[in-house]
Protein backbone atom coordinates (compact mmCIF):
# COMPACT_ATOMS: atom_id res chain seq x y z
CA MET A 1 -23.74 63.93 38.29
CA SER A 2 -23.64 60.44 36.26
CA HIS A 3 -26.33 60.05 33.56
CA TYR A 4 -26.23 56.31 34.65
CA LYS A 5 -27.03 56.76 38.07
CA ASP A 6 -30.59 55.25 37.69
CA ILE A 7 -29.69 52.54 35.58
CA LYS A 8 -31.36 49.32 37.10
CA ARG A 9 -28.41 47.19 35.98
CA ILE A 10 -25.15 48.14 34.68
CA THR A 11 -24.26 45.59 31.60
CA THR A 12 -21.03 45.56 29.26
CA HIS A 13 -23.43 47.71 26.86
CA VAL A 14 -23.82 50.37 29.30
CA LEU A 15 -19.95 50.42 29.97
CA GLN A 16 -19.55 50.84 26.26
CA GLU A 17 -22.06 53.86 26.13
CA MET A 18 -20.07 55.32 29.11
CA LYS A 19 -16.83 55.22 26.87
CA ASN A 20 -18.64 56.50 23.98
CA THR A 21 -20.02 59.57 26.03
CA GLY A 22 -16.80 60.20 27.71
CA GLU A 23 -18.26 59.29 31.49
CA LYS A 24 -15.55 57.66 33.37
CA ILE A 25 -16.26 54.03 34.72
CA SER A 26 -15.86 53.52 38.72
CA MET A 27 -14.59 50.02 39.46
CA LEU A 28 -13.85 48.56 43.16
CA THR A 29 -13.18 45.02 44.40
CA ALA A 30 -15.43 43.05 46.90
CA TYR A 31 -14.95 39.77 48.31
CA ASP A 32 -18.05 39.40 50.54
CA PHE A 33 -21.58 40.16 51.06
CA SER A 34 -21.37 42.92 53.65
CA MET A 35 -19.02 44.67 51.97
CA ALA A 36 -20.42 44.36 48.30
CA THR A 37 -23.77 45.74 49.70
CA ILE A 38 -22.17 48.93 50.37
CA VAL A 39 -20.06 49.25 47.39
CA ASP A 40 -23.01 48.47 45.32
CA LYS A 41 -25.25 50.94 47.21
CA ALA A 42 -22.69 53.50 46.68
CA GLY A 43 -23.24 53.39 42.92
CA THR A 44 -20.02 51.77 41.94
CA ASP A 45 -20.31 50.80 38.32
CA VAL A 46 -18.24 47.66 38.22
CA ILE A 47 -17.27 45.30 41.07
CA LEU A 48 -14.23 43.09 40.67
CA VAL A 49 -13.96 39.69 42.61
CA GLY A 50 -10.35 39.86 42.62
CA ASP A 51 -7.74 37.31 42.99
CA SER A 52 -6.34 40.07 45.38
CA ALA A 53 -8.67 38.17 47.83
CA SER A 54 -5.60 35.75 47.79
CA ASN A 55 -3.64 38.73 49.70
CA VAL A 56 -6.30 40.85 51.42
CA MET A 57 -8.70 37.86 52.53
CA ALA A 58 -6.43 34.99 52.69
CA GLY A 59 -3.05 36.58 53.79
CA HIS A 60 -0.95 35.17 50.99
CA GLU A 61 1.92 37.03 49.67
CA THR A 62 0.85 36.69 46.06
CA THR A 63 -2.60 35.89 44.16
CA LEU A 64 -1.12 32.63 42.85
CA PRO A 65 -2.35 30.18 45.68
CA ILE A 66 -6.22 30.99 45.63
CA THR A 67 -8.35 28.26 44.13
CA LEU A 68 -11.41 28.28 41.62
CA ASP A 69 -13.49 26.99 44.47
CA GLN A 70 -12.41 29.85 46.64
CA MET A 71 -13.21 32.25 43.91
CA ILE A 72 -16.62 31.09 43.20
CA TYR A 73 -17.12 31.10 47.21
CA HIS A 74 -16.36 34.97 46.87
CA ALA A 75 -18.17 35.49 43.85
CA SER A 76 -21.20 33.87 45.16
CA SER A 77 -21.03 36.15 48.27
CA VAL A 78 -20.64 39.27 46.46
CA ILE A 79 -23.48 38.33 43.65
CA ARG A 80 -25.91 37.82 46.71
CA ALA A 81 -25.32 41.59 47.59
CA VAL A 82 -25.34 43.38 44.25
CA LYS A 83 -28.41 44.92 42.55
CA ARG A 84 -26.65 47.35 40.23
CA SER A 85 -23.05 46.93 39.61
CA LEU A 86 -21.60 44.47 37.05
CA VAL A 87 -19.63 41.89 38.51
CA VAL A 88 -16.37 40.67 36.97
CA VAL A 89 -14.48 37.58 38.46
CA ASP A 90 -11.08 36.56 38.01
CA LEU A 91 -9.98 33.51 36.52
CA PRO A 92 -7.53 32.32 39.28
CA PHE A 93 -3.91 31.32 38.36
CA GLY A 94 -3.40 27.77 36.70
CA ASN A 95 -7.08 27.79 35.38
CA TYR A 96 -6.74 29.22 31.76
CA GLN A 97 -2.86 29.73 31.17
CA GLY A 98 -1.86 27.42 28.28
CA ASP A 99 -5.28 25.30 28.48
CA SER A 100 -8.09 27.03 26.48
CA LYS A 101 -10.23 23.90 27.12
CA GLY A 102 -9.57 24.36 31.11
CA ALA A 103 -10.11 28.05 30.75
CA LEU A 104 -13.60 27.67 29.50
CA HIS A 105 -14.37 24.95 31.88
CA SER A 106 -13.42 27.25 34.97
CA ALA A 107 -15.18 30.19 33.16
CA VAL A 108 -18.55 28.18 32.96
CA ARG A 109 -18.16 27.05 36.60
CA ILE A 110 -17.80 30.53 37.84
CA MET A 111 -20.94 31.90 35.63
CA LYS A 112 -22.97 28.80 36.69
CA GLU A 113 -21.93 28.45 40.39
CA SER A 114 -21.74 32.05 41.34
CA GLU A 115 -23.95 33.78 38.76
CA ALA A 116 -21.49 36.36 38.29
CA HIS A 117 -21.66 38.55 35.01
CA ALA A 118 -18.32 38.39 33.31
CA VAL A 119 -14.65 36.79 33.98
CA LYS A 120 -11.30 38.59 33.66
CA LEU A 121 -7.75 36.89 32.69
CA GLU A 122 -4.38 38.14 32.58
CA GLY A 123 -2.01 38.24 29.55
CA GLY A 124 -2.21 39.17 25.85
CA ARG A 125 -1.35 37.15 22.67
CA GLU A 126 -0.40 33.98 25.04
CA VAL A 127 -4.04 33.70 26.27
CA VAL A 128 -5.95 34.58 23.10
CA GLU A 129 -7.18 31.12 22.59
CA SER A 130 -8.69 31.02 26.18
CA VAL A 131 -10.29 34.29 25.34
CA GLU A 132 -11.84 33.05 22.06
CA ARG A 133 -13.08 29.80 23.75
CA ILE A 134 -14.68 31.39 26.78
CA LEU A 135 -16.28 33.85 24.22
CA THR A 136 -17.88 30.89 22.32
CA ALA A 137 -19.88 30.20 25.48
CA GLY A 138 -21.25 33.57 25.35
CA ILE A 139 -19.37 34.58 28.51
CA PRO A 140 -18.08 38.15 28.60
CA VAL A 141 -14.42 38.52 29.14
CA MET A 142 -12.25 41.54 30.51
CA GLY A 143 -8.56 41.57 29.61
CA HIS A 144 -5.79 42.74 31.94
CA LEU A 145 -2.41 43.91 30.74
CA GLY A 146 0.75 45.79 32.21
CA LEU A 147 1.53 44.48 35.40
CA THR A 148 0.08 41.18 35.56
CA PRO A 149 0.37 40.13 39.11
CA GLN A 150 -0.17 36.36 38.26
CA SER A 151 3.02 36.61 36.55
CA ILE A 152 4.98 37.77 39.40
CA TYR A 153 7.76 35.06 39.31
CA LYS A 154 8.45 35.80 35.51
CA PHE A 155 9.02 39.51 35.90
CA GLY A 156 10.34 39.03 39.58
CA THR A 157 9.15 42.46 40.61
CA TYR A 158 5.98 44.76 40.91
CA THR A 159 7.52 47.47 39.22
CA VAL A 160 5.97 49.60 36.47
CA ARG A 161 5.65 47.77 33.14
CA ALA A 162 6.12 48.78 29.48
CA LYS A 163 8.57 51.66 30.02
CA GLU A 164 10.67 50.36 27.29
CA GLU A 165 9.68 50.97 23.62
CA GLU A 166 9.65 47.25 22.60
CA GLU A 167 7.26 46.42 25.48
CA ALA A 168 5.14 49.49 25.06
CA LYS A 169 4.52 48.40 21.39
CA ARG A 170 3.82 44.81 22.51
CA LEU A 171 1.15 45.90 24.84
CA LEU A 172 -0.62 48.23 22.49
CA GLU A 173 -0.60 45.16 19.98
CA ASP A 174 -1.93 42.91 22.77
CA ALA A 175 -4.75 45.48 23.76
CA LEU A 176 -5.78 45.62 20.06
CA LEU A 177 -5.95 42.12 19.71
CA LEU A 178 -7.90 41.39 22.76
CA GLN A 179 -10.40 43.90 21.58
CA GLU A 180 -10.41 42.07 18.09
CA LYS A 181 -11.07 38.99 19.80
CA GLY A 182 -14.05 40.05 21.80
CA CYS A 183 -13.11 41.34 25.14
CA PHE A 184 -15.58 44.02 26.38
CA ALA A 185 -12.93 45.88 28.27
CA ILE A 186 -9.30 45.97 29.43
CA ILE A 187 -7.46 46.65 32.79
CA LEU A 188 -4.19 48.26 32.50
CA GLU A 189 -2.12 48.13 35.69
CA LYS A 190 0.74 50.07 36.46
CA VAL A 191 1.83 51.35 33.13
CA PRO A 192 2.86 54.92 32.21
CA ALA A 193 0.24 57.37 31.94
CA THR A 194 0.90 58.64 28.24
CA LEU A 195 1.15 54.86 27.12
CA ALA A 196 -2.24 53.92 28.93
CA GLU A 197 -3.74 57.20 27.18
CA LYS A 198 -2.71 56.13 23.88
CA VAL A 199 -4.03 52.69 24.18
CA ALA A 200 -7.55 54.13 25.59
CA LYS A 201 -7.66 56.48 22.46
CA LYS A 202 -6.84 53.74 19.94
CA LEU A 203 -9.26 51.31 21.53
CA THR A 204 -12.85 51.51 20.90
CA ILE A 205 -13.66 49.36 24.18
CA PRO A 206 -13.31 50.92 27.65
CA VAL A 207 -9.89 50.82 29.20
CA ILE A 208 -9.87 50.84 33.06
CA GLY A 209 -6.57 51.96 34.75
CA ILE A 210 -4.94 51.08 38.05
CA GLY A 211 -1.68 53.25 38.39
CA ALA A 212 -2.21 54.03 34.73
CA GLY A 213 -3.07 57.66 35.05
CA GLY A 214 -6.21 59.75 34.29
CA GLY A 215 -6.28 59.43 30.51
CA VAL A 216 -7.96 56.09 30.45
CA ASP A 217 -11.77 55.35 30.57
CA GLY A 218 -12.12 54.40 34.25
CA GLN A 219 -10.42 53.55 37.50
CA VAL A 220 -10.20 50.57 39.88
CA LEU A 221 -8.79 50.03 43.39
CA VAL A 222 -8.50 47.41 46.09
CA LEU A 223 -11.10 47.98 48.61
CA HIS A 224 -8.87 47.13 51.56
CA ASP A 225 -6.15 49.72 50.29
CA MET A 226 -8.52 52.42 49.46
CA LEU A 227 -10.17 52.04 52.95
CA GLY A 228 -6.91 52.23 54.64
CA ILE A 229 -7.41 48.79 56.15
CA THR A 230 -4.13 47.46 54.65
CA GLN A 231 -1.50 49.51 55.98
CA GLU A 232 2.03 48.06 54.36
CA PHE A 233 0.99 48.63 50.83
CA SER A 234 1.73 52.30 49.66
CA PRO A 235 2.09 52.50 45.91
CA ARG A 236 2.02 55.93 44.43
CA PHE A 237 -1.41 55.36 42.59
CA LEU A 238 -3.20 54.63 45.84
CA ARG A 239 -5.44 57.16 47.16
CA ARG A 240 -6.72 56.31 50.73
CA TYR A 241 -10.08 57.60 51.32
CA HIS A 242 -10.14 56.38 54.83
CA ASP A 243 -7.80 55.30 57.78
CA LEU A 244 -10.13 52.33 58.78
CA HIS A 245 -7.25 50.15 60.10
CA ASN A 246 -7.01 52.75 62.97
CA GLU A 247 -10.58 53.54 63.33
CA MET A 248 -11.45 49.88 63.68
CA LEU A 249 -8.27 49.49 65.96
CA SER A 250 -9.78 51.89 68.74
CA ALA A 251 -13.21 50.43 68.26
CA PHE A 252 -11.74 47.15 69.35
CA GLU A 253 -9.58 48.38 72.05
CA ASN A 254 -12.50 50.40 73.53
CA TYR A 255 -14.75 47.18 73.37
CA ILE A 256 -11.98 45.53 75.37
CA LYS A 257 -11.66 48.26 77.86
CA ASP A 258 -15.36 48.18 78.63
CA VAL A 259 -15.35 44.42 78.86
CA LYS A 260 -12.41 44.32 81.46
CA SER A 261 -13.96 47.28 83.45
CA LYS A 262 -17.36 45.68 83.38
CA ASP A 263 -18.80 48.96 81.81
CA PHE A 264 -20.23 46.78 79.05
CA PRO A 265 -22.81 45.41 79.23
CA ASN A 266 -24.66 48.08 81.35
CA LYS A 267 -28.37 48.03 82.75
CA ASP A 268 -29.68 49.09 79.35
CA GLU A 269 -27.85 46.33 77.40
CA GLN A 270 -29.29 43.38 78.97
CA TYR A 271 -32.71 41.59 79.36
């Protein structure tokens, strides 16, 4: 069992201890109060209020359309539910790229208005100035390298990143740079397992993977994917822990059937 199960609050310091002692970090996304309550109660170490809300909550094709106000709304909902997990919030697209002043302003708004614990932003050397600026305000920053979904139009595809030697070298350099600048952890998305393990071993800060193999310091999955609510998304790295889509579907169908057949409500279900 986890040594850290009884910790009242997970902090960035606790995550660092987990890396040091070799305990893997568990991380899941959440976007609303009800779900976050359960995710927190289960003992999840980190909750990511991901810009994946753009896909699973709002139905957009990419993560790009979600706004800062919408991210703050999701983050506030999650924070009200959480007692133990560390809550990290994605800075949405267009709120930090090429504008470190804007990045700081956005991060401060997230922290003040949602009372979250940290922010996450995508990219390496190109966002270093933003990372530094946010850290000057005492706001913890999590990095994100490999497949960076906000750059979908640059890459043109959601395929595995850093398979070429040049890109792999650059990714490791970026990871070391983000660590040096003060990030408390880094997410690696869809990179070869051997490279991810190499990065995790080289870095002193925790490296959390999604589709990056088991040699990293922790794992993250999108809630709706791992619960099997979303059906159309089936990457190799996704393990479905439930088939909630079909369970919910049959519950709704049974309800409709009972309403139509006048079986619901029955004598005991009325006043």
